[in-house]
Amino acid sequence: MKAGIHPKYVESTVTCACGNSWQTRSTRPTLRTDLCNVCHPFYTGEQRIVDTAGQVERFMKKMENAAVSSGKPSKRQARLAARAAEIDSQKRRPDGEGDGAAEVETAETEA
C-alpha cells in the first residue's frame, strides 16, 4: 500500500433516529441514520408508511377510484372495443362498402 493516500479508518459510533447506537469502523468518527434493524418495518413486522409529499394519499385515492370503477372499461379498452365493432360491422355490410378484406376471404373460401 502506498503511504499517505488512504483515509484514516477509525472506530465510529452509528446513531439511529430511534435512539439505537452501535460501534463500528469507518472513515468518519460519527454517523447518523434514519432507520436501523431495531426500528425498520421489515424487521419489526409493523406496517409503517413514511409519507413524502402526500404520495401515500394519492396512491390510496387511485386505489379507491380503481375499486369503484372496476366494472367500467378503461379508455383504451373502450377504443379497442369500438374499433373491433366498426371492423365487424364493415365485414357484415351487404352492400359491399367494406374494406375489401371480407370479399377476399369469401373469394378464397369459395375457390
Protein backbone atom coordinates (compact mmCIF):
# COMPACT_ATOMS: atom_id res chain seq x y z
CA MET A 1 0.00 0.00 0.00
CA LYS A 2 1.16 3.49 -0.73
CA ALA A 3 1.57 5.66 2.31
CA GLY A 4 -0.47 8.83 2.63
CA ILE A 5 -3.21 8.14 0.02
CA HIS A 6 -5.69 6.17 2.15
CA PRO A 7 -8.12 7.80 4.62
CA LYS A 8 -7.87 7.04 8.34
CA TYR A 9 -10.02 4.08 9.38
CA VAL A 10 -11.21 4.76 12.93
CA GLU A 11 -13.70 3.48 15.49
CA SER A 12 -17.09 5.01 14.68
CA THR A 13 -20.39 5.42 16.52
CA VAL A 14 -23.54 4.97 14.43
CA THR A 15 -26.69 6.60 15.87
CA CYS A 16 -30.18 5.93 14.55
CA ALA A 17 -33.14 8.35 14.71
CA CYS A 18 -34.87 5.91 17.09
CA GLY A 19 -32.01 6.28 19.58
CA ASN A 20 -30.27 2.98 18.95
CA SER A 21 -26.48 3.24 18.61
CA TRP A 22 -23.63 0.82 17.96
CA GLN A 23 -19.91 0.80 17.34
CA THR A 24 -18.26 0.00 14.03
CA ARG A 25 -15.29 1.17 11.98
CA SER A 26 -15.46 3.88 9.35
CA THR A 27 -13.58 6.82 7.89
CA ARG A 28 -15.85 9.12 9.92
CA PRO A 29 -15.96 9.13 13.71
CA THR A 30 -19.78 9.55 13.93
CA LEU A 31 -22.58 8.51 11.58
CA ARG A 32 -26.34 9.19 11.76
CA THR A 33 -29.03 7.12 10.06
CA ASP A 34 -32.83 7.26 9.78
CA LEU A 35 -33.56 3.52 10.09
CA CYS A 36 -31.82 0.58 11.71
CA ASN A 37 -32.53 -3.10 12.37
CA VAL A 38 -34.41 -2.18 15.57
CA CYS A 39 -36.87 0.28 14.02
CA HIS A 40 -37.06 -0.81 10.33
CA PRO A 41 -40.59 -2.11 9.43
CA PHE A 42 -39.14 -5.13 7.61
CA TYR A 43 -37.51 -6.41 10.79
CA THR A 44 -40.16 -5.28 13.27
CA GLY A 45 -43.15 -6.63 11.32
CA GLU A 46 -45.19 -3.46 11.79
CA GLN A 47 -46.56 -1.60 8.82
CA ARG A 48 -45.43 1.98 8.94
CA ILE A 49 -45.81 4.22 5.93
CA VAL A 50 -43.38 7.09 5.60
CA ASP A 51 -45.25 9.76 3.66
CA THR A 52 -43.29 12.02 1.36
CA ALA A 53 -45.22 14.98 -0.04
CA GLY A 54 -48.63 13.25 0.04
CA GLN A 55 -47.64 10.31 -2.17
CA VAL A 56 -49.39 7.80 0.05
CA GLU A 57 -52.68 9.73 -0.04
CA ARG A 58 -52.51 10.00 -3.84
CA PHE A 59 -51.83 6.28 -4.14
CA MET A 60 -54.68 5.37 -1.79
CA LYS A 61 -57.02 7.67 -3.73
CA LYS A 62 -56.05 5.95 -7.00
CA MET A 63 -56.70 2.54 -5.47
CA GLU A 64 -60.12 3.62 -4.20
CA ASN A 65 -61.05 5.03 -7.62
CA ALA A 66 -59.90 1.82 -9.30
CA ALA A 67 -62.03 -0.26 -6.94
CA VAL A 68 -65.10 1.90 -7.63
CA SER A 69 -64.69 1.85 -11.41
CA SER A 70 -63.59 -1.78 -11.72
CA GLY A 71 -66.67 -2.63 -13.83
CA LYS A 72 -66.10 0.24 -16.22
CA PRO A 73 -63.60 -0.39 -19.06
CA SER A 74 -60.61 1.88 -19.43
CA LYS A 75 -60.40 4.44 -22.25
CA ARG A 76 -58.06 2.18 -24.20
CA GLN A 77 -60.34 -0.83 -23.81
CA ALA A 78 -63.31 1.28 -24.93
CA ARG A 79 -61.40 2.46 -28.04
CA LEU A 80 -60.37 -1.10 -28.91
CA ALA A 81 -63.93 -2.37 -28.50
CA ALA A 82 -65.29 0.45 -30.68
CA ARG A 83 -62.70 -0.27 -33.37
CA ALA A 84 -63.47 -4.01 -33.28
CA ALA A 85 -67.19 -3.27 -33.59
CA GLU A 86 -66.53 -0.95 -36.53
CA ILE A 87 -64.45 -3.58 -38.33
CA ASP A 88 -67.08 -6.22 -37.61
CA SER A 89 -69.87 -4.02 -38.99
CA GLN A 90 -67.85 -3.33 -42.15
CA LYS A 91 -67.36 -7.06 -42.74
CA ARG A 92 -71.11 -7.72 -42.39
CA ARG A 93 -72.31 -4.97 -44.78
CA PRO A 94 -74.33 -6.48 -47.64
CA ASP A 95 -73.76 -3.53 -49.99
CA GLY A 96 -70.04 -4.24 -50.37
CA GLU A 97 -68.78 -0.96 -48.92
CA GLY A 98 -66.36 -2.76 -46.65
CA ASP A 99 -62.61 -2.57 -46.79
CA GLY A 100 -62.36 -5.47 -49.22
CA ALA A 101 -60.88 -7.89 -46.73
CA ALA A 102 -64.20 -9.71 -46.29
CA GLU A 103 -64.61 -10.06 -50.05
CA VAL A 104 -61.13 -11.58 -50.37
CA GLU A 105 -61.85 -14.01 -47.54
CA THR A 106 -65.12 -15.18 -49.13
CA ALA A 107 -63.48 -15.50 -52.54
CA GLU A 108 -60.75 -17.70 -51.07
CA THR A 109 -63.23 -19.95 -49.28
CA GLU A 110 -65.38 -20.40 -52.42
CA ALA A 111 -62.42 -21.32 -54.62
